[in-house]
Structure formats: C-alpha cells, structure tokens
Amino acid sequence: MISAEPFSVQRGFTLLEVLIALFVLDFGLLALAAVQLRTYSTTREAEYQSIAALHARVGRGHACQS
C-alpha cells in the first residue's frame, strides 16, 4: 500500500528567498553608507563655516581697535 502525504512540511529557505533577503540587506547597507557620507560632508561644511565666522569676528575686532 502506498502512503501518499498531501503536502510535506517545508524546512529552510529557498534560494530565491535568500537572494531577496540579501538584496534588501544590501540596499539597506548602501543607504546607511550614503547617510554616513552625507553626514560627513555636512559636518565638514559646518566646520568650515564656523571657522569663517570666527575669522570674520576676529577681523572685525581688530578693525575696531585700530
């Protein structure tokens, strides 16, 4: 007598599911790297603006004293 099971229980992931998960993970990591680069450039710009403002303030102070 042949025993026929209607459906077997699936264990593990298919290759397609793994590839999709890796794609989503890679996309998230690339987005995180883009945010890091943007943060770095914005921080540098703010540093340069602070230095320029400090030089402008010091320059005005010397002009008023002479």
PDB file of N, CA and C in Angstrom:
ATOM      1  N   MET A   1       0.832  -1.173   0.000  1.00  0.00           N
ATOM      2  CA  MET A   1       0.000   0.000   0.000  1.00  0.00           C
ATOM      3  C   MET A   1       0.885   1.247   0.000  1.00  0.00           C
ATOM      4  N   ILE A   2       0.578   2.194  -0.851  1.00  0.00           N
ATOM      5  CA  ILE A   2       1.374   3.412  -0.989  1.00  0.00           C
ATOM      6  C   ILE A   2       0.761   4.481  -0.097  1.00  0.00           C
ATOM      7  N   SER A   3       1.596   5.035   0.746  1.00  0.00           N
ATOM      8  CA  SER A   3       1.151   6.111   1.627  1.00  0.00           C
ATOM      9  C   SER A   3       1.437   7.443   0.930  1.00  0.00           C
ATOM     10  N   ALA A   4       0.429   8.198   0.678  1.00  0.00           N
ATOM     11  CA  ALA A   4       0.600   9.477  -0.012  1.00  0.00           C
ATOM     12  C   ALA A   4       0.294  10.604   0.966  1.00  0.00           C
ATOM     13  N   GLU A   5       1.318  11.400   1.220  1.00  0.00           N
ATOM     14  CA  GLU A   5       1.115  12.575   2.067  1.00  0.00           C
ATOM     15  C   GLU A   5       0.745  13.741   1.152  1.00  0.00           C
ATOM     16  N   PRO A   6      -0.309  14.483   1.512  1.00  0.00           N
ATOM     17  CA  PRO A   6      -0.729  15.575   0.619  1.00  0.00           C
ATOM     18  C   PRO A   6       0.340  16.653   0.458  1.00  0.00           C
ATOM     19  N   PHE A   7       0.910  17.097   1.543  1.00  0.00           N
ATOM     20  CA  PHE A   7       1.946  18.136   1.480  1.00  0.00           C
ATOM     21  C   PHE A   7       2.992  17.827   2.540  1.00  0.00           C
ATOM     22  N   SER A   8       4.225  18.020   2.199  1.00  0.00           N
ATOM     23  CA  SER A   8       5.280  17.850   3.196  1.00  0.00           C
ATOM     24  C   SER A   8       5.594  19.215   3.806  1.00  0.00           C
ATOM     25  N   VAL A   9       6.082  19.175   5.010  1.00  0.00           N
ATOM     26  CA  VAL A   9       6.421  20.424   5.704  1.00  0.00           C
ATOM     27  C   VAL A   9       7.743  20.934   5.156  1.00  0.00           C
ATOM     28  N   GLN A  10       7.752  22.200   4.757  1.00  0.00           N
ATOM     29  CA  GLN A  10       8.966  22.800   4.197  1.00  0.00           C
ATOM     30  C   GLN A  10       9.867  23.256   5.331  1.00  0.00           C
ATOM     31  N   ARG A  11      11.123  22.921   5.234  1.00  0.00           N
ATOM     32  CA  ARG A  11      12.099  23.363   6.224  1.00  0.00           C
ATOM     33  C   ARG A  11      13.178  24.149   5.501  1.00  0.00           C
ATOM     34  N   GLY A  12      13.548  25.275   6.079  1.00  0.00           N
ATOM     35  CA  GLY A  12      14.590  26.087   5.469  1.00  0.00           C
ATOM     36  C   GLY A  12      14.017  27.106   4.492  1.00  0.00           C
ATOM     37  N   PHE A  13      14.920  27.726   3.759  1.00  0.00           N
ATOM     38  CA  PHE A  13      14.558  28.778   2.828  1.00  0.00           C
ATOM     39  C   PHE A  13      14.906  28.357   1.410  1.00  0.00           C
ATOM     40  N   THR A  14      14.183  28.904   0.465  1.00  0.00           N
ATOM     41  CA  THR A  14      14.523  28.657  -0.929  1.00  0.00           C
ATOM     42  C   THR A  14      15.624  29.618  -1.346  1.00  0.00           C
ATOM     43  N   LEU A  15      16.266  29.320  -2.441  1.00  0.00           N
ATOM     44  CA  LEU A  15      17.339  30.181  -2.944  1.00  0.00           C
ATOM     45  C   LEU A  15      16.803  31.568  -3.283  1.00  0.00           C
ATOM     46  N   LEU A  16      15.617  31.629  -3.833  1.00  0.00           N
ATOM     47  CA  LEU A  16      15.022  32.919  -4.184  1.00  0.00           C
ATOM     48  C   LEU A  16      14.787  33.773  -2.935  1.00  0.00           C
ATOM     49  N   GLU A  17      14.310  33.162  -1.869  1.00  0.00           N
ATOM     50  CA  GLU A  17      14.092  33.909  -0.630  1.00  0.00           C
ATOM     51  C   GLU A  17      15.397  34.446  -0.062  1.00  0.00           C
ATOM     52  N   VAL A  18      16.438  33.654  -0.146  1.00  0.00           N
ATOM     53  CA  VAL A  18      17.751  34.095   0.342  1.00  0.00           C
ATOM     54  C   VAL A  18      18.276  35.243  -0.509  1.00  0.00           C
ATOM     55  N   LEU A  19      18.138  35.151  -1.828  1.00  0.00           N
ATOM     56  CA  LEU A  19      18.601  36.229  -2.709  1.00  0.00           C
ATOM     57  C   LEU A  19      17.842  37.521  -2.475  1.00  0.00           C
ATOM     58  N   ILE A  20      16.539  37.421  -2.266  1.00  0.00           N
ATOM     59  CA  ILE A  20      15.746  38.622  -1.984  1.00  0.00           C
ATOM     60  C   ILE A  20      16.161  39.233  -0.650  1.00  0.00           C
ATOM     61  N   ALA A  21      16.382  38.405   0.357  1.00  0.00           N
ATOM     62  CA  ALA A  21      16.816  38.914   1.656  1.00  0.00           C
ATOM     63  C   ALA A  21      18.173  39.603   1.549  1.00  0.00           C
ATOM     64  N   LEU A  22      19.088  39.025   0.778  1.00  0.00           N
ATOM     65  CA  LEU A  22      20.400  39.659   0.589  1.00  0.00           C
ATOM     66  C   LEU A  22      20.290  40.974  -0.163  1.00  0.00           C
ATOM     67  N   PHE A  23      19.404  41.033  -1.144  1.00  0.00           N
ATOM     68  CA  PHE A  23      19.191  42.276  -1.885  1.00  0.00           C
ATOM     69  C   PHE A  23      18.665  43.367  -0.962  1.00  0.00           C
ATOM     70  N   VAL A  24      17.695  43.035  -0.132  1.00  0.00           N
ATOM     71  CA  VAL A  24      17.136  44.016   0.807  1.00  0.00           C
ATOM     72  C   VAL A  24      18.199  44.464   1.801  1.00  0.00           C
ATOM     73  N   LEU A  25      19.000  43.526   2.296  1.00  0.00           N
ATOM     74  CA  LEU A  25      20.074  43.865   3.230  1.00  0.00           C
ATOM     75  C   LEU A  25      21.113  44.763   2.568  1.00  0.00           C
ATOM     76  N   ASP A  26      21.510  44.434   1.352  1.00  0.00           N
ATOM     77  CA  ASP A  26      22.488  45.260   0.628  1.00  0.00           C
ATOM     78  C   ASP A  26      21.957  46.661   0.367  1.00  0.00           C
ATOM     79  N   PHE A  27      20.696  46.751   0.003  1.00  0.00           N
ATOM     80  CA  PHE A  27      20.091  48.062  -0.234  1.00  0.00           C
ATOM     81  C   PHE A  27      20.116  48.897   1.046  1.00  0.00           C
ATOM     82  N   GLY A  28      19.792  48.284   2.162  1.00  0.00           N
ATOM     83  CA  GLY A  28      19.829  48.994   3.443  1.00  0.00           C
ATOM     84  C   GLY A  28      21.232  49.433   3.816  1.00  0.00           C
ATOM     85  N   LEU A  29      22.220  48.578   3.585  1.00  0.00           N
ATOM     86  CA  LEU A  29      23.599  48.940   3.896  1.00  0.00           C
ATOM     87  C   LEU A  29      24.104  50.061   2.999  1.00  0.00           C
ATOM     88  N   LEU A  30      23.725  50.043   1.736  1.00  0.00           N
ATOM     89  CA  LEU A  30      24.107  51.139   0.842  1.00  0.00           C
ATOM     90  C   LEU A  30      23.458  52.455   1.262  1.00  0.00           C
ATOM     91  N   ALA A  31      22.212  52.385   1.689  1.00  0.00           N
ATOM     92  CA  ALA A  31      21.537  53.591   2.171  1.00  0.00           C
ATOM     93  C   ALA A  31      22.224  54.118   3.421  1.00  0.00           C
ATOM     94  N   LEU A  32      22.620  53.227   4.310  1.00  0.00           N
ATOM     95  CA  LEU A  32      23.329  53.636   5.522  1.00  0.00           C
ATOM     96  C   LEU A  32      24.669  54.283   5.179  1.00  0.00           C
ATOM     97  N   ALA A  33      25.383  53.722   4.220  1.00  0.00           N
ATOM     98  CA  ALA A  33      26.661  54.304   3.796  1.00  0.00           C
ATOM     99  C   ALA A  33      26.448  55.690   3.181  1.00  0.00           C
ATOM    100  N   ALA A  34      25.376  55.858   2.407  1.00  0.00           N
ATOM    101  CA  ALA A  34      25.081  57.165   1.815  1.00  0.00           C
ATOM    102  C   ALA A  34      24.781  58.199   2.899  1.00  0.00           C
ATOM    103  N   VAL A  35      24.056  57.792   3.925  1.00  0.00           N
ATOM    104  CA  VAL A  35      23.754  58.706   5.029  1.00  0.00           C
ATOM    105  C   VAL A  35      25.040  59.086   5.758  1.00  0.00           C
ATOM    106  N   GLN A  36      25.932  58.118   5.952  1.00  0.00           N
ATOM    107  CA  GLN A  36      27.207  58.409   6.608  1.00  0.00           C
ATOM    108  C   GLN A  36      28.029  59.408   5.806  1.00  0.00           C
ATOM    109  N   LEU A  37      28.105  59.227   4.492  1.00  0.00           N
ATOM    110  CA  LEU A  37      28.858  60.156   3.657  1.00  0.00           C
ATOM    111  C   LEU A  37      28.249  61.550   3.684  1.00  0.00           C
ATOM    112  N   ARG A  38      26.924  61.610   3.636  1.00  0.00           N
ATOM    113  CA  ARG A  38      26.249  62.911   3.676  1.00  0.00           C
ATOM    114  C   ARG A  38      26.499  63.601   5.020  1.00  0.00           C
ATOM    115  N   THR A  39      26.471  62.840   6.092  1.00  0.00           N
ATOM    116  CA  THR A  39      26.731  63.394   7.423  1.00  0.00           C
ATOM    117  C   THR A  39      28.157  63.921   7.514  1.00  0.00           C
ATOM    118  N   TYR A  40      29.087  63.171   6.966  1.00  0.00           N
ATOM    119  CA  TYR A  40      30.487  63.602   6.997  1.00  0.00           C
ATOM    120  C   TYR A  40      30.675  64.910   6.231  1.00  0.00           C
ATOM    121  N   SER A  41      30.104  65.006   5.038  1.00  0.00           N
ATOM    122  CA  SER A  41      30.282  66.222   4.246  1.00  0.00           C
ATOM    123  C   SER A  41      29.581  67.410   4.892  1.00  0.00           C
ATOM    124  N   THR A  42      28.424  67.188   5.488  1.00  0.00           N
ATOM    125  CA  THR A  42      27.713  68.267   6.165  1.00  0.00           C
ATOM    126  C   THR A  42      28.486  68.748   7.386  1.00  0.00           C
ATOM    127  N   THR A  43      29.098  67.827   8.103  1.00  0.00           N
ATOM    128  CA  THR A  43      29.903  68.190   9.274  1.00  0.00           C
ATOM    129  C   THR A  43      31.113  69.014   8.864  1.00  0.00           C
ATOM    130  N   ARG A  44      31.758  68.613   7.781  1.00  0.00           N
ATOM    131  CA  ARG A  44      32.912  69.379   7.304  1.00  0.00           C
ATOM    132  C   ARG A  44      32.490  70.782   6.867  1.00  0.00           C
ATOM    133  N   GLU A  45      31.364  70.881   6.184  1.00  0.00           N
ATOM    134  CA  GLU A  45      30.881  72.196   5.752  1.00  0.00           C
ATOM    135  C   GLU A  45      30.582  73.084   6.952  1.00  0.00           C
ATOM    136  N   ALA A  46      29.968  72.520   7.976  1.00  0.00           N
ATOM    137  CA  ALA A  46      29.677  73.288   9.191  1.00  0.00           C
ATOM    138  C   ALA A  46      30.964  73.733   9.877  1.00  0.00           C
ATOM    139  N   GLU A  47      31.968  72.876   9.851  1.00  0.00           N
ATOM    140  CA  GLU A  47      33.261  73.248  10.439  1.00  0.00           C
ATOM    141  C   GLU A  47      33.871  74.433   9.690  1.00  0.00           C
ATOM    142  N   TYR A  48      33.838  74.370   8.360  1.00  0.00           N
ATOM    143  CA  TYR A  48      34.389  75.469   7.565  1.00  0.00           C
ATOM    144  C   TYR A  48      33.623  76.762   7.786  1.00  0.00           C
ATOM    145  N   GLN A  49      32.313  76.684   7.896  1.00  0.00           N
ATOM    146  CA  GLN A  49      31.517  77.890   8.143  1.00  0.00           C
ATOM    147  C   GLN A  49      31.807  78.467   9.521  1.00  0.00           C
ATOM    148  N   SER A  50      32.026  77.615  10.507  1.00  0.00           N
ATOM    149  CA  SER A  50      32.367  78.089  11.853  1.00  0.00           C
ATOM    150  C   SER A  50      33.719  78.782  11.859  1.00  0.00           C
ATOM    151  N   ILE A  51      34.674  78.218  11.141  1.00  0.00           N
ATOM    152  CA  ILE A  51      36.000  78.836  11.056  1.00  0.00           C
ATOM    153  C   ILE A  51      35.908  80.180  10.347  1.00  0.00           C
ATOM    154  N   ALA A  52      35.121  80.253   9.273  1.00  0.00           N
ATOM    155  CA  ALA A  52      34.964  81.520   8.548  1.00  0.00           C
ATOM    156  C   ALA A  52      34.294  82.576   9.431  1.00  0.00           C
ATOM    157  N   ALA A  53      33.289  82.154  10.194  1.00  0.00           N
ATOM    158  CA  ALA A  53      32.620  83.109  11.093  1.00  0.00           C
ATOM    159  C   ALA A  53      33.572  83.587  12.179  1.00  0.00           C
ATOM    160  N   LEU A  54      34.403  82.689  12.686  1.00  0.00           N
ATOM    161  CA  LEU A  54      35.378  83.077  13.712  1.00  0.00           C
ATOM    162  C   LEU A  54      36.400  84.056  13.139  1.00  0.00           C
ATOM    163  N   HIS A  55      36.871  83.794  11.925  1.00  0.00           N
ATOM    164  CA  HIS A  55      37.822  84.722  11.291  1.00  0.00           C
ATOM    165  C   HIS A  55      37.167  86.072  11.028  1.00  0.00           C
ATOM    166  N   ALA A  56      35.917  86.084  10.637  1.00  0.00           N
ATOM    167  CA  ALA A  56      35.215  87.341  10.393  1.00  0.00           C
ATOM    168  C   ALA A  56      35.053  88.128  11.689  1.00  0.00           C
ATOM    169  N   ARG A  57      34.736  87.416  12.761  1.00  0.00           N
ATOM    170  CA  ARG A  57      34.555  88.090  14.053  1.00  0.00           C
ATOM    171  C   ARG A  57      35.880  88.653  14.559  1.00  0.00           C
ATOM    172  N   VAL A  58      36.952  87.882  14.445  1.00  0.00           N
ATOM    173  CA  VAL A  58      38.267  88.341  14.885  1.00  0.00           C
ATOM    174  C   VAL A  58      38.722  89.500  14.011  1.00  0.00           C
ATOM    175  N   GLY A  59      38.461  89.437  12.708  1.00  0.00           N
ATOM    176  CA  GLY A  59      38.846  90.503  11.799  1.00  0.00           C
ATOM    177  C   GLY A  59      38.145  91.804  12.123  1.00  0.00           C
ATOM    178  N   ARG A  60      36.867  91.736  12.469  1.00  0.00           N
ATOM    179  CA  ARG A  60      36.126  92.954  12.845  1.00  0.00           C
ATOM    180  C   ARG A  60      36.639  93.512  14.154  1.00  0.00           C
ATOM    181  N   GLY A  61      37.034  92.637  15.086  1.00  0.00           N
ATOM    182  CA  GLY A  61      37.551  93.097  16.375  1.00  0.00           C
ATOM    183  C   GLY A  61      38.847  93.884  16.212  1.00  0.00           C
ATOM    184  N   HIS A  62      39.719  93.426  15.331  1.00  0.00           N
ATOM    185  CA  HIS A  62      40.967  94.139  15.102  1.00  0.00           C
ATOM    186  C   HIS A  62      40.724  95.445  14.365  1.00  0.00           C
ATOM    187  N   ALA A  63      39.757  95.482  13.462  1.00  0.00           N
ATOM    188  CA  ALA A  63      39.473  96.704  12.719  1.00  0.00           C
ATOM    189  C   ALA A  63      38.922  97.789  13.627  1.00  0.00           C
ATOM    190  N   CYS A  64      38.135  97.409  14.625  1.00  0.00           N
ATOM    191  CA  CYS A  64      37.551  98.400  15.542  1.00  0.00           C
ATOM    192  C   CYS A  64      38.576  98.951  16.516  1.00  0.00           C
ATOM    193  N   GLN A  65      39.594  98.188  16.837  1.00  0.00           N
ATOM    194  CA  GLN A  65      40.573  98.625  17.831  1.00  0.00           C
ATOM    195  C   GLN A  65      41.604  99.561  17.235  1.00  0.00           C
ATOM    196  N   SER A  66      41.831  99.557  15.955  1.00  0.00           N
ATOM    197  CA  SER A  66      42.905 100.397  15.391  1.00  0.00           C
ATOM    198  C   SER A  66      42.436 101.746  14.978  1.00  0.00           C
TER     199      SER A  66
END
